[in-house]
């Protein structure tokens, strides 16, 4: 009986002191959620400005120039300039898209205003200390890019292995299988081995045998999509219209008739029945001859009214002068890709 009580006591103690069941560890946060908390924009440098200035009719600018990013977090940075009209002054918006390495994360957009200004305004902004994108700055950037590219190409050429025959001074050769073609000590060997003759084609043990065979590391290419344009010619538009050369007018034309009239033979004055006697008497008192004669004379008996119509001519009037228009024609990258 005593033994039973001891056993029961031991059992109770064991039950009461049993180690507590370990709590299940809380589930770790979803890695996707943690990655979503990564601020992609902070991993990109060169996108600090919220506004850019560009002189009107400037083309070919690389809007990705100077932008760098952490390739462990950011896969690439894209830029969309399709809303920009380089031919017209105004404020537009370009959109940078930061694409993450993790496909489960969402891309982030950074919108930047760009103001296209006149050459005069561009000069004022420069005097105020602002950076203005112009054709001159674009050409300078291209020259610098070409210079860097040439330097990289020249470095790559220097690292390439010599294509000359380095075996010209070889005094031994490699034997393979049962044939021994060398003049060294490997004659008769059944295995594939290198003879003990001095072969200058062997790489130096003090240098890297792969030197020059590796291509220089180049950064992955990011497309810089630049809006392309094509010129569309619009011909002149106009119409023909009449114009007045001379207004309508009315003309009065006299109507003549021939009548016989009497004239003084001494002085030639026209005489009538009433004045003929007194006129001749005056000549006689003056000791002059008094005579008369008749002759036919045209006199106006009335007027004819003639209405003349207006005179018109035809001329060409220009409604819209001919002009050339720059029409968007897709996008092109400096690498030659288009979209």
Foldseek 3Di string as FASTA:
>chain_A
DVVVVVVVVVVVVCVVPPDDDDDDDDDDPDVLVVLQPDDQVVQKPDQPAQEAEEEAPAFDAQPCPPIDGDVQWWVAKEKAPPQDDSHDFDKTKIKIWTHTPDPSYDIDIRIHIYTHDHPVVVVVVVVVPHDYHYNVVRVVVVVVVVVVVVVLVVVLVVQADDPDDQQPPFQFAWDDAQDGPTPADCHRDRHTDGGPTDGRVDDDPVDDPCGSVDGDDDDDDHFRWTWAWDKDKDAWDWDKDKDFPFAKDKDKAFDKDKDKWKAWPPPGHTDDPVCLVVVQVVCVVVVHHTDMDIDIDIDTPGIDMDIGHIDMDMDIDTPGHMDMDIDTDFIAGPVGDTD
